[in-house]
Amino acid sequence: MRRRMRDRYRRFSYLTDIQGMKTALAEMRGLFFPPQPRLNHEAYRRRTVDPPDEGWFTEAVTNAVTMHAENAMEYPFLGEPVFEKPLVGFACGDDPIFERFKEVIGPFHFTPYEIMRWQALNNGVEPPEPSDVSVVAFVMPLTANTIRDNAACTEWPSERWAQARLIGEMFSQVMVREIVAALMERGILAVAPDATPFFRKQRYPKTGWASPWSHRHVAYAAGLGTFGMHDFLITEKGSAHRLGSFVVNLRLKPNRPRPEDIHAHCLHYRGIPCLRCALRCPAGAITKDGGHDKEACSKRVARSLAYCNRKYHIFIYGCGLCATGVPCEHEIPLPDKGTGP
């Protein structure tokens, strides 16, 4: 229905864009999530002898992104996809890096085992061992049109970027829930951590704004990219993307090498003059010595809600200026892409 709307759509989005409000509140307050899919106990007891492997998950996520009807922009960009072909990676549930995240992000951050244990108990079965748990992570690159439009902006996000922010969040949740539900029906425990009642963003004393399941850190754990000066993950498809992940009760093999250096793909951290993301930030939240100021960034992003409502009639906030119009917007930049501030 949303895609059938025309130029008069959501003129009073503070009142009428109910789905946008639910999406924002779900992310910030852990509200309005649908019930978790239930485990098929009969299939679980049989324990399939031919469980899905890495190839199955890569194909499932790729097909879901490239063929799903909900991967579609609204007016005035009808017919355009939100995302291009994804990247998919895997991490073992007992990888020590997940315990490390409790130090780097905070003790509130779930390990794959902890969230899987909750799902198992929620379905009345014995929790699996950490070694029998894996994470499926994916990168959904934004389209060239969205990147181009946002790169042309200097103060607030473009309409394509705002739409991708809202529709992309809804699509990601729908797509992952469908995969998780299909696995649970086959008797395979699975859970999308960001679709559980525990998922909400909060301001923590030492960490600042954070959530109990960071798709960025999980994607790094799966070898999908490294962090840039702007804190976006720089992947082989660049930093203009949306990330997602879910946890399964299967042993899947990591398929991508993970750099030890968490900033390996960022020109600045490689000692090559760049800082283009700092120049692009309208809040001045990125500096050579201070890195990324999450508090200043979040305040600026919060202010974009009024702009997106007034300009685009969408109940959403966002920015992404530092991830576009920069050398890493659509690739891992080569050294000669550095231009200096």
C-alpha atoms as a PDB file:
ATOM      1  CA  MET A   1       0.000   0.000   0.000  1.00  0.00           C
ATOM      2  CA  ARG A   2       2.845   2.369   0.835  1.00  0.00           C
ATOM      3  CA  ARG A   3       4.254   2.046  -2.685  1.00  0.00           C
ATOM      4  CA  ARG A   4       0.900   2.981  -4.277  1.00  0.00           C
ATOM      5  CA  MET A   5       0.901   6.412  -2.643  1.00  0.00           C
ATOM      6  CA  ARG A   6       1.463   9.426  -4.873  1.00  0.00           C
ATOM      7  CA  ASP A   7       2.611  12.990  -4.327  1.00  0.00           C
ATOM      8  CA  ARG A   8      -0.062  13.699  -1.692  1.00  0.00           C
ATOM      9  CA  TYR A   9       1.144  10.870   0.521  1.00  0.00           C
ATOM     10  CA  ARG A  10       1.845  11.428   4.214  1.00  0.00           C
ATOM     11  CA  ARG A  11       1.271  15.176   4.190  1.00  0.00           C
ATOM     12  CA  PHE A  12       0.811  14.840   7.954  1.00  0.00           C
ATOM     13  CA  SER A  13       3.450  12.193   8.548  1.00  0.00           C
ATOM     14  CA  TYR A  14       3.651  12.998  12.280  1.00  0.00           C
ATOM     15  CA  LEU A  15       0.125  11.564  12.423  1.00  0.00           C
ATOM     16  CA  THR A  16      -0.215   9.301   9.395  1.00  0.00           C
ATOM     17  CA  ASP A  17       3.097   7.487   8.900  1.00  0.00           C
ATOM     18  CA  ILE A  18       2.253   4.863  11.496  1.00  0.00           C
ATOM     19  CA  GLN A  19       4.731   2.319  10.119  1.00  0.00           C
ATOM     20  CA  GLY A  20       7.522   4.876  10.224  1.00  0.00           C
ATOM     21  CA  MET A  21       6.711   5.674  13.854  1.00  0.00           C
ATOM     22  CA  LYS A  22       6.645   2.001  14.780  1.00  0.00           C
ATOM     23  CA  THR A  23       9.992   1.437  13.083  1.00  0.00           C
ATOM     24  CA  ALA A  24      11.611   4.345  14.917  1.00  0.00           C
ATOM     25  CA  LEU A  25      10.133   3.326  18.282  1.00  0.00           C
ATOM     26  CA  ALA A  26      11.128  -0.297  17.758  1.00  0.00           C
ATOM     27  CA  GLU A  27      14.727   0.733  17.206  1.00  0.00           C
ATOM     28  CA  MET A  28      14.856   3.206  20.082  1.00  0.00           C
ATOM     29  CA  ARG A  29      12.550   1.571  22.641  1.00  0.00           C
ATOM     30  CA  GLY A  30      12.250  -2.104  21.722  1.00  0.00           C
ATOM     31  CA  LEU A  31       8.521  -1.774  20.993  1.00  0.00           C
ATOM     32  CA  PHE A  32       6.105  -3.214  18.421  1.00  0.00           C
ATOM     33  CA  PHE A  33       8.148  -6.250  17.468  1.00  0.00           C
ATOM     34  CA  PRO A  34       5.993  -9.142  16.191  1.00  0.00           C
ATOM     35  CA  PRO A  35       5.902 -12.400  18.165  1.00  0.00           C
ATOM     36  CA  GLN A  36       8.896 -14.680  17.722  1.00  0.00           C
ATOM     37  CA  PRO A  37       8.306 -17.611  15.331  1.00  0.00           C
ATOM     38  CA  ARG A  38       7.751 -20.857  17.212  1.00  0.00           C
ATOM     39  CA  LEU A  39       9.991 -23.877  16.867  1.00  0.00           C
ATOM     40  CA  ASN A  40       8.547 -26.936  15.131  1.00  0.00           C
ATOM     41  CA  HIS A  41       9.259 -29.424  17.924  1.00  0.00           C
ATOM     42  CA  GLU A  42       8.534 -32.507  15.825  1.00  0.00           C
ATOM     43  CA  ALA A  43      11.054 -31.423  13.183  1.00  0.00           C
ATOM     44  CA  TYR A  44      13.502 -30.419  15.935  1.00  0.00           C
ATOM     45  CA  ARG A  45      13.342 -33.904  17.457  1.00  0.00           C
ATOM     46  CA  ARG A  46      14.042 -35.484  14.068  1.00  0.00           C
ATOM     47  CA  ARG A  47      17.114 -33.234  13.580  1.00  0.00           C
ATOM     48  CA  THR A  48      17.597 -33.005   9.835  1.00  0.00           C
ATOM     49  CA  VAL A  49      20.446 -35.109   8.448  1.00  0.00           C
ATOM     50  CA  ASP A  50      21.031 -32.594   5.688  1.00  0.00           C
ATOM     51  CA  PRO A  51      21.104 -29.207   7.423  1.00  0.00           C
ATOM     52  CA  PRO A  52      21.577 -25.947   5.508  1.00  0.00           C
ATOM     53  CA  ASP A  53      25.222 -25.103   4.845  1.00  0.00           C
ATOM     54  CA  GLU A  54      27.092 -21.904   4.047  1.00  0.00           C
ATOM     55  CA  GLY A  55      26.037 -22.053   0.399  1.00  0.00           C
ATOM     56  CA  TRP A  56      22.385 -22.383   1.380  1.00  0.00           C
ATOM     57  CA  PHE A  57      22.530 -19.290   3.584  1.00  0.00           C
ATOM     58  CA  THR A  58      24.425 -17.251   1.009  1.00  0.00           C
ATOM     59  CA  GLU A  59      21.828 -18.116  -1.613  1.00  0.00           C
ATOM     60  CA  ALA A  60      18.907 -17.557   0.770  1.00  0.00           C
ATOM     61  CA  VAL A  61      20.040 -14.067   1.781  1.00  0.00           C
ATOM     62  CA  THR A  62      21.025 -13.127  -1.781  1.00  0.00           C
ATOM     63  CA  ASN A  63      17.688 -14.256  -3.217  1.00  0.00           C
ATOM     64  CA  ALA A  64      15.776 -12.560  -0.418  1.00  0.00           C
ATOM     65  CA  VAL A  65      17.457  -9.227  -1.109  1.00  0.00           C
ATOM     66  CA  THR A  66      17.477  -9.307  -4.894  1.00  0.00           C
ATOM     67  CA  MET A  67      14.023 -10.844  -5.456  1.00  0.00           C
ATOM     68  CA  HIS A  68      11.892  -9.703  -2.516  1.00  0.00           C
ATOM     69  CA  ALA A  69       8.948  -7.471  -3.412  1.00  0.00           C
ATOM     70  CA  GLU A  70       9.576  -5.305  -0.341  1.00  0.00           C
ATOM     71  CA  ASN A  71      13.047  -4.291  -1.561  1.00  0.00           C
ATOM     72  CA  ALA A  72      11.458  -1.364  -3.383  1.00  0.00           C
ATOM     73  CA  MET A  73      11.447   2.408  -3.089  1.00  0.00           C
ATOM     74  CA  GLU A  74       8.298   4.512  -2.847  1.00  0.00           C
ATOM     75  CA  TYR A  75       7.101   7.486  -4.889  1.00  0.00           C
ATOM     76  CA  PRO A  76       8.803   9.321  -6.576  1.00  0.00           C
ATOM     77  CA  PHE A  77      11.290   6.464  -7.053  1.00  0.00           C
ATOM     78  CA  LEU A  78       8.810   3.688  -7.804  1.00  0.00           C
ATOM     79  CA  GLY A  79      10.433   0.687  -9.460  1.00  0.00           C
ATOM     80  CA  GLU A  80      13.866   1.268  -7.954  1.00  0.00           C
ATOM     81  CA  PRO A  81      15.321  -1.253  -5.501  1.00  0.00           C
ATOM     82  CA  VAL A  82      16.562  -0.067  -2.120  1.00  0.00           C
ATOM     83  CA  PHE A  83      19.525  -2.452  -2.063  1.00  0.00           C
ATOM     84  CA  GLU A  84      21.821  -4.194  -4.503  1.00  0.00           C
ATOM     85  CA  LYS A  85      23.216  -7.757  -4.274  1.00  0.00           C
ATOM     86  CA  PRO A  86      24.426  -8.424  -0.708  1.00  0.00           C
ATOM     87  CA  LEU A  87      27.649  -9.736   0.766  1.00  0.00           C
ATOM     88  CA  VAL A  88      27.281 -12.644   3.215  1.00  0.00           C
ATOM     89  CA  GLY A  89      29.703 -13.818   5.897  1.00  0.00           C
ATOM     90  CA  PHE A  90      29.765 -16.201   8.861  1.00  0.00           C
ATOM     91  CA  ALA A  91      31.239 -16.270  12.351  1.00  0.00           C
ATOM     92  CA  CYS A  92      31.445 -19.099  14.880  1.00  0.00           C
ATOM     93  CA  GLY A  93      29.385 -18.677  18.023  1.00  0.00           C
ATOM     94  CA  ASP A  94      32.341 -19.516  20.260  1.00  0.00           C
ATOM     95  CA  ASP A  95      34.686 -17.031  18.553  1.00  0.00           C
ATOM     96  CA  PRO A  96      36.496 -15.181  21.394  1.00  0.00           C
ATOM     97  CA  ILE A  97      35.797 -11.881  19.658  1.00  0.00           C
ATOM     98  CA  PHE A  98      32.238 -11.905  21.001  1.00  0.00           C
ATOM     99  CA  GLU A  99      33.533 -11.860  24.567  1.00  0.00           C
ATOM    100  CA  ARG A 100      35.869  -9.073  23.498  1.00  0.00           C
ATOM    101  CA  PHE A 101      32.829  -7.061  22.388  1.00  0.00           C
ATOM    102  CA  LYS A 102      31.647  -7.073  25.992  1.00  0.00           C
ATOM    103  CA  GLU A 103      34.787  -5.114  26.813  1.00  0.00           C
ATOM    104  CA  VAL A 104      34.790  -2.858  23.753  1.00  0.00           C
ATOM    105  CA  ILE A 105      31.053  -2.126  23.545  1.00  0.00           C
ATOM    106  CA  GLY A 106      29.869  -3.079  27.031  1.00  0.00           C
ATOM    107  CA  PRO A 107      28.834  -6.050  29.173  1.00  0.00           C
ATOM    108  CA  PHE A 108      25.280  -5.575  27.924  1.00  0.00           C
ATOM    109  CA  HIS A 109      26.216  -6.762  24.415  1.00  0.00           C
ATOM    110  CA  PHE A 110      24.955 -10.280  23.722  1.00  0.00           C
ATOM    111  CA  THR A 111      27.143 -13.122  22.619  1.00  0.00           C
ATOM    112  CA  PRO A 112      25.568 -15.412  19.993  1.00  0.00           C
ATOM    113  CA  TYR A 113      25.243 -18.081  22.685  1.00  0.00           C
ATOM    114  CA  GLU A 114      23.379 -15.773  25.074  1.00  0.00           C
ATOM    115  CA  ILE A 115      20.733 -14.757  22.556  1.00  0.00           C
ATOM    116  CA  MET A 116      20.412 -18.352  21.324  1.00  0.00           C
ATOM    117  CA  ARG A 117      20.031 -19.580  24.891  1.00  0.00           C
ATOM    118  CA  TRP A 118      17.100 -17.197  25.314  1.00  0.00           C
ATOM    119  CA  GLN A 119      15.491 -18.486  22.104  1.00  0.00           C
ATOM    120  CA  ALA A 120      15.984 -22.112  23.156  1.00  0.00           C
ATOM    121  CA  LEU A 121      14.460 -21.611  26.613  1.00  0.00           C
ATOM    122  CA  ASN A 122      11.693 -19.530  25.055  1.00  0.00           C
ATOM    123  CA  ASN A 123      10.803 -22.625  23.000  1.00  0.00           C
ATOM    124  CA  GLY A 124      11.231 -25.162  25.801  1.00  0.00           C
ATOM    125  CA  VAL A 125      14.367 -26.915  24.534  1.00  0.00           C
ATOM    126  CA  GLU A 126      17.879 -27.341  25.868  1.00  0.00           C
ATOM    127  CA  PRO A 127      20.224 -24.499  24.851  1.00  0.00           C
ATOM    128  CA  PRO A 128      22.936 -25.611  22.411  1.00  0.00           C
ATOM    129  CA  GLU A 129      26.630 -25.328  23.157  1.00  0.00           C
ATOM    130  CA  PRO A 130      28.371 -22.138  21.940  1.00  0.00           C
ATOM    131  CA  SER A 131      30.345 -24.251  19.431  1.00  0.00           C
ATOM    132  CA  ASP A 132      27.042 -25.359  17.862  1.00  0.00           C
ATOM    133  CA  VAL A 133      25.968 -21.773  17.203  1.00  0.00           C
ATOM    134  CA  SER A 134      26.894 -19.546  14.249  1.00  0.00           C
ATOM    135  CA  VAL A 135      26.193 -16.014  13.087  1.00  0.00           C
ATOM    136  CA  VAL A 136      25.073 -15.137   9.573  1.00  0.00           C
ATOM    137  CA  ALA A 137      25.941 -11.513   8.763  1.00  0.00           C
ATOM    138  CA  PHE A 138      25.252  -9.577   5.588  1.00  0.00           C
ATOM    139  CA  VAL A 139      25.885  -6.237   3.892  1.00  0.00           C
ATOM    140  CA  MET A 140      23.156  -4.721   1.696  1.00  0.00           C
ATOM    141  CA  PRO A 141      24.762  -2.008  -0.488  1.00  0.00           C
ATOM    142  CA  LEU A 142      22.659   1.020  -1.338  1.00  0.00           C
ATOM    143  CA  THR A 143      22.139   1.801  -5.019  1.00  0.00           C
ATOM    144  CA  ALA A 144      24.304   4.157  -7.045  1.00  0.00           C
ATOM    145  CA  ASN A 145      21.349   6.574  -7.306  1.00  0.00           C
ATOM    146  CA  THR A 146      20.983   6.804  -3.537  1.00  0.00           C
ATOM    147  CA  ILE A 147      24.714   7.260  -3.018  1.00  0.00           C
ATOM    148  CA  ARG A 148      24.874   9.917  -5.757  1.00  0.00           C
ATOM    149  CA  ASP A 149      21.948  11.910  -4.357  1.00  0.00           C
ATOM    150  CA  ASN A 150      23.289  11.889  -0.816  1.00  0.00           C
ATOM    151  CA  ALA A 151      26.785  12.816  -1.990  1.00  0.00           C
ATOM    152  CA  ALA A 152      25.274  15.943  -3.530  1.00  0.00           C
ATOM    153  CA  CYS A 153      23.853  17.052  -0.160  1.00  0.00           C
ATOM    154  CA  THR A 154      25.751  19.113   2.396  1.00  0.00           C
ATOM    155  CA  GLU A 155      23.344  19.695   5.298  1.00  0.00           C
ATOM    156  CA  TRP A 156      20.618  17.055   5.415  1.00  0.00           C
ATOM    157  CA  PRO A 157      20.031  13.637   3.816  1.00  0.00           C
ATOM    158  CA  SER A 158      18.583  13.293   0.342  1.00  0.00           C
ATOM    159  CA  GLU A 159      15.086  11.924  -0.208  1.00  0.00           C
ATOM    160  CA  ARG A 160      16.436   8.659  -1.596  1.00  0.00           C
ATOM    161  CA  TRP A 161      18.649   8.254   1.474  1.00  0.00           C
ATOM    162  CA  ALA A 162      15.746   9.008   3.846  1.00  0.00           C
ATOM    163  CA  GLN A 163      13.529   6.501   2.058  1.00  0.00           C
ATOM    164  CA  ALA A 164      16.285   3.885   2.109  1.00  0.00           C
ATOM    165  CA  ARG A 165      16.766   4.521   5.830  1.00  0.00           C
ATOM    166  CA  LEU A 166      13.092   3.864   6.594  1.00  0.00           C
ATOM    167  CA  ILE A 167      12.168   1.252   3.997  1.00  0.00           C
ATOM    168  CA  GLY A 168      15.519  -0.489   4.344  1.00  0.00           C
ATOM    169  CA  GLU A 169      15.038  -0.952   8.080  1.00  0.00           C
ATOM    170  CA  MET A 170      11.552  -2.388   7.594  1.00  0.00           C
ATOM    171  CA  PHE A 171      12.674  -4.613   4.735  1.00  0.00           C
ATOM    172  CA  SER A 172      15.670  -5.951   6.644  1.00  0.00           C
ATOM    173  CA  GLN A 173      13.495  -6.964   9.580  1.00  0.00           C
ATOM    174  CA  VAL A 174      10.852  -8.575   7.360  1.00  0.00           C
ATOM    175  CA  MET A 175      13.429 -10.462   5.296  1.00  0.00           C
ATOM    176  CA  VAL A 176      15.330 -11.812   8.303  1.00  0.00           C
ATOM    177  CA  ARG A 177      12.125 -12.792  10.122  1.00  0.00           C
ATOM    178  CA  GLU A 178      11.062 -14.796   7.060  1.00  0.00           C
ATOM    179  CA  ILE A 179      14.367 -16.684   6.976  1.00  0.00           C
ATOM    180  CA  VAL A 180      14.298 -17.267  10.742  1.00  0.00           C
ATOM    181  CA  ALA A 181      10.677 -18.469  10.578  1.00  0.00           C
ATOM    182  CA  ALA A 182      11.534 -20.896   7.752  1.00  0.00           C
ATOM    183  CA  LEU A 183      14.429 -22.317   9.785  1.00  0.00           C
ATOM    184  CA  MET A 184      12.310 -22.683  12.927  1.00  0.00           C
ATOM    185  CA  GLU A 185       9.676 -24.524  10.896  1.00  0.00           C
ATOM    186  CA  ARG A 186      12.407 -26.946   9.787  1.00  0.00           C
ATOM    187  CA  GLY A 187      13.268 -27.562  13.423  1.00  0.00           C
ATOM    188  CA  ILE A 188      16.422 -25.409  13.420  1.00  0.00           C
ATOM    189  CA  LEU A 189      16.724 -22.876  16.230  1.00  0.00           C
ATOM    190  CA  ALA A 190      17.321 -19.386  14.861  1.00  0.00           C
ATOM    191  CA  VAL A 191      16.882 -15.854  16.151  1.00  0.00           C
ATOM    192  CA  ALA A 192      17.199 -12.292  14.887  1.00  0.00           C
ATOM    193  CA  PRO A 193      18.592 -10.401  17.910  1.00  0.00           C
ATOM    194  CA  ASP A 194      17.308  -7.034  16.686  1.00  0.00           C
ATOM    195  CA  ALA A 195      13.745  -8.392  16.522  1.00  0.00           C
ATOM    196  CA  THR A 196      13.637  -9.459  20.180  1.00  0.00           C
ATOM    197  CA  PRO A 197      12.243  -7.443  23.105  1.00  0.00           C
ATOM    198  CA  PHE A 198      15.806  -6.869  24.346  1.00  0.00           C
ATOM    199  CA  PHE A 199      16.864  -4.793  21.352  1.00  0.00           C
ATOM    200  CA  ARG A 200      16.841  -1.068  21.933  1.00  0.00           C
ATOM    201  CA  LYS A 201      19.303   1.755  21.686  1.00  0.00           C
ATOM    202  CA  GLN A 202      20.310   3.393  24.943  1.00  0.00           C
ATOM    203  CA  ARG A 203      22.857   5.887  26.167  1.00  0.00           C
ATOM    204  CA  TYR A 204      25.329   4.029  28.369  1.00  0.00           C
ATOM    205  CA  PRO A 205      27.683   5.831  30.807  1.00  0.00           C
ATOM    206  CA  LYS A 206      30.948   4.812  29.119  1.00  0.00           C
ATOM    207  CA  THR A 207      29.858   3.776  25.635  1.00  0.00           C
ATOM    208  CA  GLY A 208      27.319   6.457  24.765  1.00  0.00           C
ATOM    209  CA  TRP A 209      24.568   5.400  22.370  1.00  0.00           C
ATOM    210  CA  ALA A 210      24.700   1.650  21.769  1.00  0.00           C
ATOM    211  CA  SER A 211      22.519  -1.430  21.419  1.00  0.00           C
ATOM    212  CA  PRO A 212      22.869  -4.974  22.822  1.00  0.00           C
ATOM    213  CA  TRP A 213      23.543  -6.338  19.335  1.00  0.00           C
ATOM    214  CA  SER A 214      25.764  -4.332  16.974  1.00  0.00           C
ATOM    215  CA  HIS A 215      25.403  -5.389  13.338  1.00  0.00           C
ATOM    216  CA  ARG A 216      28.583  -3.450  12.544  1.00  0.00           C
ATOM    217  CA  HIS A 217      30.706  -5.332  15.040  1.00  0.00           C
ATOM    218  CA  VAL A 218      29.136  -8.647  14.099  1.00  0.00           C
ATOM    219  CA  ALA A 219      29.841  -7.936  10.414  1.00  0.00           C
ATOM    220  CA  TYR A 220      33.456  -7.188  11.316  1.00  0.00           C
ATOM    221  CA  ALA A 221      33.599 -10.495  13.221  1.00  0.00           C
ATOM    222  CA  ALA A 222      32.403 -12.223  10.038  1.00  0.00           C
ATOM    223  CA  GLY A 223      35.159 -10.619   7.956  1.00  0.00           C
ATOM    224  CA  LEU A 224      32.853  -8.346   5.974  1.00  0.00           C
ATOM    225  CA  GLY A 225      34.735  -5.100   6.563  1.00  0.00           C
ATOM    226  CA  THR A 226      36.595  -2.808   8.948  1.00  0.00           C
ATOM    227  CA  PHE A 227      35.714   0.454  10.658  1.00  0.00           C
ATOM    228  CA  GLY A 228      36.359   3.840   9.127  1.00  0.00           C
ATOM    229  CA  MET A 229      37.014   7.197  10.745  1.00  0.00           C
ATOM    230  CA  HIS A 230      33.257   7.795  10.457  1.00  0.00           C
ATOM    231  CA  ASP A 231      32.488   4.500  12.287  1.00  0.00           C
ATOM    232  CA  PHE A 232      30.734   3.071   9.247  1.00  0.00           C
ATOM    233  CA  LEU A 233      31.976  -0.348   8.176  1.00  0.00           C
ATOM    234  CA  ILE A 234      34.099  -0.104   5.019  1.00  0.00           C
ATOM    235  CA  THR A 235      33.373  -3.215   2.941  1.00  0.00           C
ATOM    236  CA  GLU A 236      34.337  -4.294  -0.563  1.00  0.00           C
ATOM    237  CA  LYS A 237      31.089  -2.587  -1.599  1.00  0.00           C
ATOM    238  CA  GLY A 238      31.952   0.544   0.335  1.00  0.00           C
ATOM    239  CA  SER A 239      30.426   2.184   3.400  1.00  0.00           C
ATOM    240  CA  ALA A 240      27.011   3.203   2.034  1.00  0.00           C
ATOM    241  CA  HIS A 241      24.945   0.218   3.057  1.00  0.00           C
ATOM    242  CA  ARG A 242      22.713  -1.383   5.650  1.00  0.00           C
ATOM    243  CA  LEU A 243      23.878  -4.303   7.762  1.00  0.00           C
ATOM    244  CA  GLY A 244      21.992  -7.241   9.226  1.00  0.00           C
ATOM    245  CA  SER A 245      22.625 -10.510  11.024  1.00  0.00           C
ATOM    246  CA  PHE A 246      20.958 -13.454  12.730  1.00  0.00           C
ATOM    247  CA  VAL A 247      22.020 -16.452  14.808  1.00  0.00           C
ATOM    248  CA  VAL A 248      21.469 -20.136  14.004  1.00  0.00           C
ATOM    249  CA  ASN A 249      21.954 -23.437  15.834  1.00  0.00           C
ATOM    250  CA  LEU A 250      24.319 -24.792  13.163  1.00  0.00           C
ATOM    251  CA  ARG A 251      28.062 -25.071  12.709  1.00  0.00           C
ATOM    252  CA  LEU A 252      28.947 -22.811   9.782  1.00  0.00           C
ATOM    253  CA  LYS A 253      32.494 -22.121   8.625  1.00  0.00           C
ATOM    254  CA  PRO A 254      33.746 -18.533   8.357  1.00  0.00           C
ATOM    255  CA  ASN A 255      34.192 -17.721   4.667  1.00  0.00           C
ATOM    256  CA  ARG A 256      36.089 -14.429   4.827  1.00  0.00           C
ATOM    257  CA  PRO A 257      39.407 -13.523   6.478  1.00  0.00           C
ATOM    258  CA  ARG A 258      39.069 -11.003   9.285  1.00  0.00           C
ATOM    259  CA  PRO A 259      41.775  -8.309   9.424  1.00  0.00           C
ATOM    260  CA  GLU A 260      43.386  -7.965  12.828  1.00  0.00           C
ATOM    261  CA  ASP A 261      43.447  -4.205  12.316  1.00  0.00           C
ATOM    262  CA  ILE A 262      39.872  -2.991  12.843  1.00  0.00           C
ATOM    263  CA  HIS A 263      40.645   0.074  10.674  1.00  0.00           C
ATOM    264  CA  ALA A 264      42.511  -1.750   7.896  1.00  0.00           C
ATOM    265  CA  HIS A 265      40.385  -0.300   5.059  1.00  0.00           C
ATOM    266  CA  CYS A 266      40.353   3.354   6.206  1.00  0.00           C
ATOM    267  CA  LEU A 267      42.804   5.658   4.418  1.00  0.00           C
ATOM    268  CA  HIS A 268      43.259   7.892   7.469  1.00  0.00           C
ATOM    269  CA  TYR A 269      44.197   5.023   9.757  1.00  0.00           C
ATOM    270  CA  ARG A 270      46.547   3.708   7.067  1.00  0.00           C
ATOM    271  CA  GLY A 271      48.466   6.978   7.298  1.00  0.00           C
ATOM    272  CA  ILE A 272      47.168   8.345   3.994  1.00  0.00           C
ATOM    273  CA  PRO A 273      45.794  11.915   4.102  1.00  0.00           C
ATOM    274  CA  CYS A 274      42.023  11.878   3.602  1.00  0.00           C
ATOM    275  CA  LEU A 275      39.546  12.979   6.310  1.00  0.00           C
ATOM    276  CA  ARG A 276      36.939  13.525   3.602  1.00  0.00           C
ATOM    277  CA  CYS A 277      34.324  12.156   5.967  1.00  0.00           C
ATOM    278  CA  ALA A 278      35.243  14.859   8.502  1.00  0.00           C
ATOM    279  CA  LEU A 279      34.763  17.542   5.865  1.00  0.00           C
ATOM    280  CA  ARG A 280      31.388  16.058   4.927  1.00  0.00           C
ATOM    281  CA  CYS A 281      30.025  16.018   8.494  1.00  0.00           C
ATOM    282  CA  PRO A 282      27.678  19.004   9.037  1.00  0.00           C
ATOM    283  CA  ALA A 283      27.958  18.587  12.816  1.00  0.00           C
ATOM    284  CA  GLY A 284      31.739  18.605  12.961  1.00  0.00           C
ATOM    285  CA  ALA A 285      31.465  15.279  14.775  1.00  0.00           C
ATOM    286  CA  ILE A 286      34.540  13.742  13.099  1.00  0.00           C
ATOM    287  CA  THR A 287      37.982  15.114  13.863  1.00  0.00           C
ATOM    288  CA  LYS A 288      41.537  13.970  13.286  1.00  0.00           C
ATOM    289  CA  ASP A 289      42.360  13.709  16.982  1.00  0.00           C
ATOM    290  CA  GLY A 290      38.943  12.959  18.477  1.00  0.00           C
ATOM    291  CA  GLY A 291      37.644  10.449  15.957  1.00  0.00           C
ATOM    292  CA  HIS A 292      33.867  10.100  15.806  1.00  0.00           C
ATOM    293  CA  ASP A 293      31.900  12.000  18.458  1.00  0.00           C
ATOM    294  CA  LYS A 294      28.785   9.799  18.759  1.00  0.00           C
ATOM    295  CA  GLU A 295      26.960  12.291  20.970  1.00  0.00           C
ATOM    296  CA  ALA A 296      27.346  15.202  18.547  1.00  0.00           C
ATOM    297  CA  CYS A 297      26.439  12.882  15.687  1.00  0.00           C
ATOM    298  CA  SER A 298      23.278  11.577  17.382  1.00  0.00           C
ATOM    299  CA  LYS A 299      22.077  15.106  18.171  1.00  0.00           C
ATOM    300  CA  ARG A 300      22.437  16.092  14.537  1.00  0.00           C
ATOM    301  CA  VAL A 301      20.684  12.946  13.353  1.00  0.00           C
ATOM    302  CA  ALA A 302      17.818  13.565  15.793  1.00  0.00           C
ATOM    303  CA  ARG A 303      17.308  17.017  14.274  1.00  0.00           C
ATOM    304  CA  SER A 304      16.903  15.452  10.833  1.00  0.00           C
ATOM    305  CA  LEU A 305      13.548  13.980  11.875  1.00  0.00           C
ATOM    306  CA  ALA A 306      11.824  17.358  11.508  1.00  0.00           C
ATOM    307  CA  TYR A 307      13.552  17.974   8.173  1.00  0.00           C
ATOM    308  CA  CYS A 308      12.558  14.602   6.703  1.00  0.00           C
ATOM    309  CA  ASN A 309       8.967  15.120   7.849  1.00  0.00           C
ATOM    310  CA  ARG A 310       8.730  18.617   6.437  1.00  0.00           C
ATOM    311  CA  LYS A 311      10.619  17.985   3.201  1.00  0.00           C
ATOM    312  CA  TYR A 312       9.849  14.357   2.348  1.00  0.00           C
ATOM    313  CA  HIS A 313       6.790  13.588   4.514  1.00  0.00           C
ATOM    314  CA  ILE A 314       8.578  10.607   6.059  1.00  0.00           C
ATOM    315  CA  PHE A 315       8.760   9.859   9.789  1.00  0.00           C
ATOM    316  CA  ILE A 316      12.431   8.968   9.892  1.00  0.00           C
ATOM    317  CA  TYR A 317      15.783  10.393  10.880  1.00  0.00           C
ATOM    318  CA  GLY A 318      19.160   9.901   9.222  1.00  0.00           C
ATOM    319  CA  CYS A 319      22.184  11.546   7.668  1.00  0.00           C
ATOM    320  CA  GLY A 320      24.871   9.396   6.030  1.00  0.00           C
ATOM    321  CA  LEU A 321      26.664  12.402   4.537  1.00  0.00           C
ATOM    322  CA  CYS A 322      30.004  11.118   5.845  1.00  0.00           C
ATOM    323  CA  ALA A 323      29.473   7.765   4.080  1.00  0.00           C
ATOM    324  CA  THR A 324      28.846   9.361   0.682  1.00  0.00           C
ATOM    325  CA  GLY A 325      30.954  11.706  -1.388  1.00  0.00           C
ATOM    326  CA  VAL A 326      34.032  10.037   0.111  1.00  0.00           C
ATOM    327  CA  PRO A 327      36.650   7.639  -1.332  1.00  0.00           C
ATOM    328  CA  CYS A 328      35.150   4.678   0.551  1.00  0.00           C
ATOM    329  CA  GLU A 329      31.536   5.221  -0.476  1.00  0.00           C
ATOM    330  CA  HIS A 330      31.410   2.218  -2.831  1.00  0.00           C
ATOM    331  CA  GLU A 331      34.697   0.333  -2.391  1.00  0.00           C
ATOM    332  CA  ILE A 332      37.777  -0.241  -0.267  1.00  0.00           C
ATOM    333  CA  PRO A 333      39.757   2.818  -1.389  1.00  0.00           C
ATOM    334  CA  LEU A 334      43.178   2.463  -2.934  1.00  0.00           C
ATOM    335  CA  PRO A 335      46.003   4.610  -1.514  1.00  0.00           C
ATOM    336  CA  ASP A 336      45.849   7.014  -4.454  1.00  0.00           C
ATOM    337  CA  LYS A 337      42.250   7.919  -3.517  1.00  0.00           C
ATOM    338  CA  GLY A 338      43.480   9.937  -0.563  1.00  0.00           C
ATOM    339  CA  THR A 339      43.099  13.676  -1.123  1.00  0.00           C
ATOM    340  CA  GLY A 340      43.710  15.214   2.273  1.00  0.00           C
ATOM    341  CA  PRO A 341      41.486  17.662   4.138  1.00  0.00           C
END
